[in-house]
PDB file of N, CA and C in Angstrom:
ATOM      1  N   MET A   1     -29.136  31.868  65.265  1.00  0.00           N
ATOM      2  CA  MET A   1     -29.034  30.941  64.154  1.00  0.00           C
ATOM      3  C   MET A   1     -30.197  29.950  64.278  1.00  0.00           C
ATOM      4  N   SER A   2     -30.942  29.778  63.238  1.00  0.00           N
ATOM      5  CA  SER A   2     -32.056  28.839  63.296  1.00  0.00           C
ATOM      6  C   SER A   2     -31.544  27.414  63.218  1.00  0.00           C
ATOM      7  N   LYS A   3     -32.388  26.475  63.626  1.00  0.00           N
ATOM      8  CA  LYS A   3     -31.978  25.076  63.630  1.00  0.00           C
ATOM      9  C   LYS A   3     -31.669  24.579  62.223  1.00  0.00           C
ATOM     10  N   ALA A   4     -32.328  25.136  61.207  1.00  0.00           N
ATOM     11  CA  ALA A   4     -32.079  24.727  59.826  1.00  0.00           C
ATOM     12  C   ALA A   4     -30.669  25.119  59.393  1.00  0.00           C
ATOM     13  N   GLU A   5     -30.114  26.142  60.021  1.00  0.00           N
ATOM     14  CA  GLU A   5     -28.790  26.639  59.651  1.00  0.00           C
ATOM     15  C   GLU A   5     -27.700  26.191  60.621  1.00  0.00           C
ATOM     16  N   GLU A   6     -28.033  25.370  61.581  1.00  0.00           N
ATOM     17  CA  GLU A   6     -27.069  24.966  62.594  1.00  0.00           C
ATOM     18  C   GLU A   6     -25.926  24.154  61.978  1.00  0.00           C
ATOM     19  N   ASN A   7     -24.723  24.427  62.438  1.00  0.00           N
ATOM     20  CA  ASN A   7     -23.552  23.705  61.944  1.00  0.00           C
ATOM     21  C   ASN A   7     -23.587  22.254  62.386  1.00  0.00           C
ATOM     22  N   VAL A   8     -23.118  21.396  61.488  1.00  0.00           N
ATOM     23  CA  VAL A   8     -23.038  19.971  61.800  1.00  0.00           C
ATOM     24  C   VAL A   8     -21.645  19.473  61.447  1.00  0.00           C
ATOM     25  N   VAL A   9     -21.258  18.395  62.086  1.00  0.00           N
ATOM     26  CA  VAL A   9     -20.003  17.711  61.767  1.00  0.00           C
ATOM     27  C   VAL A   9     -20.345  16.274  61.427  1.00  0.00           C
ATOM     28  N   LEU A  10     -19.492  15.667  60.647  1.00  0.00           N
ATOM     29  CA  LEU A  10     -19.696  14.280  60.249  1.00  0.00           C
ATOM     30  C   LEU A  10     -18.841  13.382  61.140  1.00  0.00           C
ATOM     31  N   ILE A  11     -19.499  12.544  61.914  1.00  0.00           N
ATOM     32  CA  ILE A  11     -18.813  11.608  62.803  1.00  0.00           C
ATOM     33  C   ILE A  11     -19.343  10.223  62.501  1.00  0.00           C
ATOM     34  N   ASP A  12     -18.472   9.341  62.110  1.00  0.00           N
ATOM     35  CA  ASP A  12     -18.859   7.962  61.806  1.00  0.00           C
ATOM     36  C   ASP A  12     -19.983   7.925  60.763  1.00  0.00           C
ATOM     37  N   ASN A  13     -19.804   8.764  59.723  1.00  0.00           N
ATOM     38  CA  ASN A  13     -20.770   8.881  58.616  1.00  0.00           C
ATOM     39  C   ASN A  13     -22.152   9.350  59.069  1.00  0.00           C
ATOM     40  N   LYS A  14     -22.212  10.068  60.174  1.00  0.00           N
ATOM     41  CA  LYS A  14     -23.479  10.583  60.695  1.00  0.00           C
ATOM     42  C   LYS A  14     -23.316  12.078  60.972  1.00  0.00           C
ATOM     43  N   GLU A  15     -24.292  12.863  60.519  1.00  0.00           N
ATOM     44  CA  GLU A  15     -24.266  14.291  60.799  1.00  0.00           C
ATOM     45  C   GLU A  15     -24.696  14.531  62.247  1.00  0.00           C
ATOM     46  N   VAL A  16     -23.836  15.251  62.975  1.00  0.00           N
ATOM     47  CA  VAL A  16     -24.114  15.548  64.382  1.00  0.00           C
ATOM     48  C   VAL A  16     -24.068  17.061  64.547  1.00  0.00           C
ATOM     49  N   LYS A  17     -25.088  17.615  65.191  1.00  0.00           N
ATOM     50  CA  LYS A  17     -25.130  19.053  65.434  1.00  0.00           C
ATOM     51  C   LYS A  17     -23.997  19.446  66.373  1.00  0.00           C
ATOM     52  N   VAL A  18     -23.351  20.535  66.049  1.00  0.00           N
ATOM     53  CA  VAL A  18     -22.249  21.022  66.881  1.00  0.00           C
ATOM     54  C   VAL A  18     -22.743  21.303  68.297  1.00  0.00           C
ATOM     55  N   SER A  19     -23.969  21.775  68.414  1.00  0.00           N
ATOM     56  CA  SER A  19     -24.516  22.093  69.745  1.00  0.00           C
ATOM     57  C   SER A  19     -24.692  20.850  70.616  1.00  0.00           C
ATOM     58  N   GLU A  20     -24.680  19.670  69.998  1.00  0.00           N
ATOM     59  CA  GLU A  20     -24.838  18.424  70.753  1.00  0.00           C
ATOM     60  C   GLU A  20     -23.496  17.841  71.215  1.00  0.00           C
ATOM     61  N   LEU A  21     -22.408  18.452  70.807  1.00  0.00           N
ATOM     62  CA  LEU A  21     -21.083  17.946  71.164  1.00  0.00           C
ATOM     63  C   LEU A  21     -20.688  18.399  72.561  1.00  0.00           C
ATOM     64  N   THR A  22     -19.922  17.559  73.230  1.00  0.00           N
ATOM     65  CA  THR A  22     -19.350  17.968  74.516  1.00  0.00           C
ATOM     66  C   THR A  22     -18.199  18.932  74.231  1.00  0.00           C
ATOM     67  N   ASN A  23     -17.721  19.584  75.260  1.00  0.00           N
ATOM     68  CA  ASN A  23     -16.577  20.491  75.088  1.00  0.00           C
ATOM     69  C   ASN A  23     -15.363  19.737  74.538  1.00  0.00           C
ATOM     70  N   GLU A  24     -15.167  18.537  75.029  1.00  0.00           N
ATOM     71  CA  GLU A  24     -14.046  17.726  74.556  1.00  0.00           C
ATOM     72  C   GLU A  24     -14.204  17.415  73.063  1.00  0.00           C
ATOM     73  N   GLN A  25     -15.410  17.010  72.668  1.00  0.00           N
ATOM     74  CA  GLN A  25     -15.654  16.678  71.262  1.00  0.00           C
ATOM     75  C   GLN A  25     -15.524  17.909  70.376  1.00  0.00           C
ATOM     76  N   LEU A  26     -15.969  19.046  70.865  1.00  0.00           N
ATOM     77  CA  LEU A  26     -15.819  20.298  70.129  1.00  0.00           C
ATOM     78  C   LEU A  26     -14.344  20.636  69.950  1.00  0.00           C
ATOM     79  N   TYR A  27     -13.578  20.435  71.013  1.00  0.00           N
ATOM     80  CA  TYR A  27     -12.131  20.662  70.945  1.00  0.00           C
ATOM     81  C   TYR A  27     -11.512  19.752  69.879  1.00  0.00           C
ATOM     82  N   PHE A  28     -11.889  18.484  69.865  1.00  0.00           N
ATOM     83  CA  PHE A  28     -11.356  17.549  68.869  1.00  0.00           C
ATOM     84  C   PHE A  28     -11.719  17.986  67.453  1.00  0.00           C
ATOM     85  N   THR A  29     -12.946  18.433  67.247  1.00  0.00           N
ATOM     86  CA  THR A  29     -13.348  18.875  65.902  1.00  0.00           C
ATOM     87  C   THR A  29     -12.558  20.118  65.483  1.00  0.00           C
ATOM     88  N   GLN A  30     -12.288  21.008  66.428  1.00  0.00           N
ATOM     89  CA  GLN A  30     -11.482  22.192  66.112  1.00  0.00           C
ATOM     90  C   GLN A  30     -10.049  21.796  65.763  1.00  0.00           C
ATOM     91  N   GLN A  31      -9.522  20.841  66.501  1.00  0.00           N
ATOM     92  CA  GLN A  31      -8.174  20.344  66.199  1.00  0.00           C
ATOM     93  C   GLN A  31      -8.137  19.721  64.800  1.00  0.00           C
ATOM     94  N   ILE A  32      -9.133  18.907  64.494  1.00  0.00           N
ATOM     95  CA  ILE A  32      -9.200  18.250  63.186  1.00  0.00           C
ATOM     96  C   ILE A  32      -9.288  19.288  62.072  1.00  0.00           C
ATOM     97  N   GLN A  33     -10.133  20.282  62.262  1.00  0.00           N
ATOM     98  CA  GLN A  33     -10.283  21.331  61.242  1.00  0.00           C
ATOM     99  C   GLN A  33      -8.967  22.081  61.045  1.00  0.00           C
ATOM    100  N   ASP A  34      -8.302  22.428  62.142  1.00  0.00           N
ATOM    101  CA  ASP A  34      -7.029  23.134  62.043  1.00  0.00           C
ATOM    102  C   ASP A  34      -5.984  22.275  61.338  1.00  0.00           C
ATOM    103  N   LEU A  35      -5.930  21.000  61.666  1.00  0.00           N
ATOM    104  CA  LEU A  35      -4.961  20.098  61.039  1.00  0.00           C
ATOM    105  C   LEU A  35      -5.261  19.894  59.554  1.00  0.00           C
ATOM    106  N   GLN A  36      -6.529  19.842  59.193  1.00  0.00           N
ATOM    107  CA  GLN A  36      -6.887  19.726  57.773  1.00  0.00           C
ATOM    108  C   GLN A  36      -6.454  20.975  57.007  1.00  0.00           C
ATOM    109  N   ASN A  37      -6.624  22.138  57.635  1.00  0.00           N
ATOM    110  CA  ASN A  37      -6.174  23.382  57.007  1.00  0.00           C
ATOM    111  C   ASN A  37      -4.656  23.387  56.835  1.00  0.00           C
ATOM    112  N   LYS A  38      -3.942  22.946  57.866  1.00  0.00           N
ATOM    113  CA  LYS A  38      -2.483  22.865  57.777  1.00  0.00           C
ATOM    114  C   LYS A  38      -2.053  21.883  56.694  1.00  0.00           C
ATOM    115  N   GLN A  39      -2.733  20.747  56.631  1.00  0.00           N
ATOM    116  CA  GLN A  39      -2.420  19.741  55.611  1.00  0.00           C
ATOM    117  C   GLN A  39      -2.596  20.320  54.210  1.00  0.00           C
ATOM    118  N   ALA A  40      -3.683  21.042  53.995  1.00  0.00           N
ATOM    119  CA  ALA A  40      -3.930  21.654  52.685  1.00  0.00           C
ATOM    120  C   ALA A  40      -2.852  22.678  52.366  1.00  0.00           C
ATOM    121  N   ARG A  41      -2.475  23.482  53.361  1.00  0.00           N
ATOM    122  CA  ARG A  41      -1.440  24.504  53.160  1.00  0.00           C
ATOM    123  C   ARG A  41      -0.094  23.847  52.855  1.00  0.00           C
ATOM    124  N   ILE A  42       0.231  22.777  53.586  1.00  0.00           N
ATOM    125  CA  ILE A  42       1.498  22.071  53.373  1.00  0.00           C
ATOM    126  C   ILE A  42       1.522  21.413  51.994  1.00  0.00           C
ATOM    127  N   ASN A  43       0.406  20.813  51.585  1.00  0.00           N
ATOM    128  CA  ASN A  43       0.341  20.216  50.254  1.00  0.00           C
ATOM    129  C   ASN A  43       0.511  21.278  49.174  1.00  0.00           C
ATOM    130  N   PHE A  44      -0.067  22.449  49.383  1.00  0.00           N
ATOM    131  CA  PHE A  44       0.075  23.572  48.458  1.00  0.00           C
ATOM    132  C   PHE A  44       1.546  23.977  48.351  1.00  0.00           C
ATOM    133  N   GLU A  45       2.195  24.105  49.503  1.00  0.00           N
ATOM    134  CA  GLU A  45       3.610  24.471  49.524  1.00  0.00           C
ATOM    135  C   GLU A  45       4.469  23.366  48.920  1.00  0.00           C
ATOM    136  N   LEU A  46       4.107  22.114  49.155  1.00  0.00           N
ATOM    137  CA  LEU A  46       4.848  20.990  48.584  1.00  0.00           C
ATOM    138  C   LEU A  46       4.775  21.003  47.057  1.00  0.00           C
ATOM    139  N   ASP A  47       3.623  21.363  46.517  1.00  0.00           N
ATOM    140  CA  ASP A  47       3.508  21.502  45.064  1.00  0.00           C
ATOM    141  C   ASP A  47       4.499  22.544  44.545  1.00  0.00           C
ATOM    142  N   GLN A  48       4.623  23.651  45.273  1.00  0.00           N
ATOM    143  CA  GLN A  48       5.575  24.700  44.883  1.00  0.00           C
ATOM    144  C   GLN A  48       7.014  24.197  44.975  1.00  0.00           C
ATOM    145  N   VAL A  49       7.320  23.484  46.052  1.00  0.00           N
ATOM    146  CA  VAL A  49       8.670  22.953  46.239  1.00  0.00           C
ATOM    147  C   VAL A  49       9.009  21.967  45.127  1.00  0.00           C
ATOM    148  N   ASN A  50       8.083  21.071  44.820  1.00  0.00           N
ATOM    149  CA  ASN A  50       8.337  20.084  43.766  1.00  0.00           C
ATOM    150  C   ASN A  50       8.536  20.750  42.409  1.00  0.00           C
ATOM    151  N   ALA A  51       7.753  21.768  42.116  1.00  0.00           N
ATOM    152  CA  ALA A  51       7.924  22.493  40.856  1.00  0.00           C
ATOM    153  C   ALA A  51       9.286  23.186  40.820  1.00  0.00           C
ATOM    154  N   SER A  52       9.674  23.809  41.913  1.00  0.00           N
ATOM    155  CA  SER A  52      10.975  24.487  41.979  1.00  0.00           C
ATOM    156  C   SER A  52      12.117  23.488  41.867  1.00  0.00           C
ATOM    157  N   LEU A  53      11.999  22.350  42.534  1.00  0.00           N
ATOM    158  CA  LEU A  53      13.032  21.322  42.432  1.00  0.00           C
ATOM    159  C   LEU A  53      13.213  20.883  40.986  1.00  0.00           C
ATOM    160  N   SER A  54      12.125  20.717  40.281  1.00  0.00           N
ATOM    161  CA  SER A  54      12.184  20.316  38.884  1.00  0.00           C
ATOM    162  C   SER A  54      12.931  21.354  38.051  1.00  0.00           C
ATOM    163  N   VAL A  55      12.646  22.618  38.288  1.00  0.00           N
ATOM    164  CA  VAL A  55      13.319  23.691  37.553  1.00  0.00           C
ATOM    165  C   VAL A  55      14.821  23.664  37.820  1.00  0.00           C
ATOM    166  N   PHE A  56      15.214  23.547  39.083  1.00  0.00           N
ATOM    167  CA  PHE A  56      16.636  23.559  39.417  1.00  0.00           C
ATOM    168  C   PHE A  56      17.355  22.294  38.945  1.00  0.00           C
ATOM    169  N   ARG A  57      16.675  21.163  39.002  1.00  0.00           N
ATOM    170  CA  ARG A  57      17.288  19.932  38.474  1.00  0.00           C
ATOM    171  C   ARG A  57      17.523  20.051  36.971  1.00  0.00           C
ATOM    172  N   ASN A  58      16.544  20.590  36.274  1.00  0.00           N
ATOM    173  CA  ASN A  58      16.703  20.785  34.830  1.00  0.00           C
ATOM    174  C   ASN A  58      17.809  21.790  34.524  1.00  0.00           C
ATOM    175  N   ALA A  59      17.892  22.851  35.320  1.00  0.00           N
ATOM    176  CA  ALA A  59      18.946  23.846  35.128  1.00  0.00           C
ATOM    177  C   ALA A  59      20.321  23.222  35.354  1.00  0.00           C
ATOM    178  N   LEU A  60      20.450  22.395  36.387  1.00  0.00           N
ATOM    179  CA  LEU A  60      21.710  21.718  36.653  1.00  0.00           C
ATOM    180  C   LEU A  60      22.079  20.808  35.492  1.00  0.00           C
ATOM    181  N   LEU A  61      21.124  20.041  35.011  1.00  0.00           N
ATOM    182  CA  LEU A  61      21.377  19.127  33.906  1.00  0.00           C
ATOM    183  C   LEU A  61      21.821  19.881  32.656  1.00  0.00           C
ATOM    184  N   GLU A  62      21.131  20.956  32.322  1.00  0.00           N
ATOM    185  CA  GLU A  62      21.508  21.748  31.141  1.00  0.00           C
ATOM    186  C   GLU A  62      22.895  22.364  31.319  1.00  0.00           C
ATOM    187  N   SER A  63      23.187  22.858  32.501  1.00  0.00           N
ATOM    188  CA  SER A  63      24.502  23.428  32.770  1.00  0.00           C
ATOM    189  C   SER A  63      25.584  22.375  32.627  1.00  0.00           C
ATOM    190  N   TYR A  64      25.319  21.189  33.178  1.00  0.00           N
ATOM    191  CA  TYR A  64      26.288  20.102  33.092  1.00  0.00           C
ATOM    192  C   TYR A  64      26.510  19.681  31.638  1.00  0.00           C
ATOM    193  N   LYS A  65      25.420  19.544  30.893  1.00  0.00           N
ATOM    194  CA  LYS A  65      25.538  19.170  29.477  1.00  0.00           C
ATOM    195  C   LYS A  65      26.366  20.208  28.710  1.00  0.00           C
ATOM    196  N   LYS A  66      26.155  21.474  29.009  1.00  0.00           N
ATOM    197  CA  LYS A  66      26.899  22.538  28.349  1.00  0.00           C
ATOM    198  C   LYS A  66      28.382  22.420  28.680  1.00  0.00           C
ATOM    199  N   THR A  67      28.701  22.168  29.948  1.00  0.00           N
ATOM    200  CA  THR A  67      30.092  22.017  30.369  1.00  0.00           C
ATOM    201  C   THR A  67      30.741  20.823  29.679  1.00  0.00           C
ATOM    202  N   VAL A  68      30.022  19.711  29.608  1.00  0.00           N
ATOM    203  CA  VAL A  68      30.547  18.514  28.956  1.00  0.00           C
ATOM    204  C   VAL A  68      30.782  18.793  27.473  1.00  0.00           C
ATOM    205  N   ALA A  69      29.828  19.453  26.831  1.00  0.00           N
ATOM    206  CA  ALA A  69      29.965  19.768  25.399  1.00  0.00           C
ATOM    207  C   ALA A  69      31.165  20.676  25.171  1.00  0.00           C
ATOM    208  N   GLU A  70      31.347  21.676  26.007  1.00  0.00           N
ATOM    209  CA  GLU A  70      32.484  22.584  25.868  1.00  0.00           C
ATOM    210  C   GLU A  70      33.796  21.843  26.094  1.00  0.00           C
ATOM    211  N   SER A  71      33.823  20.951  27.066  1.00  0.00           N
ATOM    212  CA  SER A  71      35.015  20.166  27.355  1.00  0.00           C
ATOM    213  C   SER A  71      35.357  19.260  26.177  1.00  0.00           C
ATOM    214  N   GLU A  72      34.338  18.666  25.578  1.00  0.00           N
ATOM    215  CA  GLU A  72      34.566  17.807  24.412  1.00  0.00           C
ATOM    216  C   GLU A  72      35.100  18.616  23.230  1.00  0.00           C
ATOM    217  N   GLU A  73      34.610  19.838  23.067  1.00  0.00           N
ATOM    218  CA  GLU A  73      35.101  20.703  21.984  1.00  0.00           C
ATOM    219  C   GLU A  73      36.580  21.031  22.191  1.00  0.00           C
ATOM    220  N   VAL A  74      36.964  21.289  23.426  1.00  0.00           N
ATOM    221  CA  VAL A  74      38.361  21.582  23.734  1.00  0.00           C
ATOM    222  C   VAL A  74      39.222  20.365  23.408  1.00  0.00           C
ATOM    223  N   GLU A  75      38.761  19.193  23.774  1.00  0.00           N
ATOM    224  CA  GLU A  75      39.513  17.960  23.498  1.00  0.00           C
ATOM    225  C   GLU A  75      39.674  17.750  21.994  1.00  0.00           C
ATOM    226  N   VAL A  76      38.617  17.982  21.234  1.00  0.00           N
ATOM    227  CA  VAL A  76      38.693  17.823  19.770  1.00  0.00           C
ATOM    228  C   VAL A  76      39.679  18.818  19.195  1.00  0.00           C
ATOM    229  N   THR A  77      39.658  20.041  19.699  1.00  0.00           N
ATOM    230  CA  THR A  77      40.589  21.072  19.209  1.00  0.00           C
ATOM    231  C   THR A  77      42.019  20.683  19.538  1.00  0.00           C
ATOM    232  N   LYS A  78      42.260  20.179  20.736  1.00  0.00           N
ATOM    233  CA  LYS A  78      43.622  19.772  21.122  1.00  0.00           C
ATOM    234  C   LYS A  78      44.111  18.623  20.245  1.00  0.00           C
ATOM    235  N   LYS A  79      43.233  17.669  19.937  1.00  0.00           N
ATOM    236  CA  LYS A  79      43.620  16.547  19.083  1.00  0.00           C
ATOM    237  C   LYS A  79      43.944  17.020  17.669  1.00  0.00           C
ATOM    238  N   LYS A  80      43.177  17.973  17.172  1.00  0.00           N
ATOM    239  CA  LYS A  80      43.424  18.510  15.830  1.00  0.00           C
ATOM    240  C   LYS A  80      44.755  19.235  15.788  1.00  0.00           C
ATOM    241  N   GLU A  81      45.062  19.957  16.877  1.00  0.00           N
ATOM    242  CA  GLU A  81      46.339  20.695  16.927  1.00  0.00           C
ATOM    243  C   GLU A  81      47.514  19.729  16.956  1.00  0.00           C
ATOM    244  N   LYS A  82      47.368  18.596  17.642  1.00  0.00           N
ATOM    245  CA  LYS A  82      48.435  17.605  17.695  1.00  0.00           C
ATOM    246  C   LYS A  82      48.687  16.977  16.326  1.00  0.00           C
ATOM    247  N   VAL A  83      47.611  16.784  15.571  1.00  0.00           N
ATOM    248  CA  VAL A  83      47.714  16.173  14.261  1.00  0.00           C
ATOM    249  C   VAL A  83      48.390  17.119  13.287  1.00  0.00           C
ATOM    250  N   ASN A  84      48.139  18.389  13.411  1.00  0.00           N
ATOM    251  CA  ASN A  84      48.704  19.386  12.490  1.00  0.00           C
ATOM    252  C   ASN A  84      50.103  19.645  12.901  1.00  0.00           C
TER     253      ASN A  84
END
């Protein structure tokens, strides 16, 4: 790999060549990269969870409204039968 293509990391707003890092610093950069990947994956999954929660909450609400409407219809029918 030529020096023009050498990988760099940003530390304290400064580009530092990976080859200049100590083993410890390289380990830290690998940990950071892995954690950033996990964070992105978790955020992606969280978007899916939030969308699914919205669907199920709406389904529950519609089901409940339907049950309430049906119950009210039964009550109206019972009242009409009492009057007749």
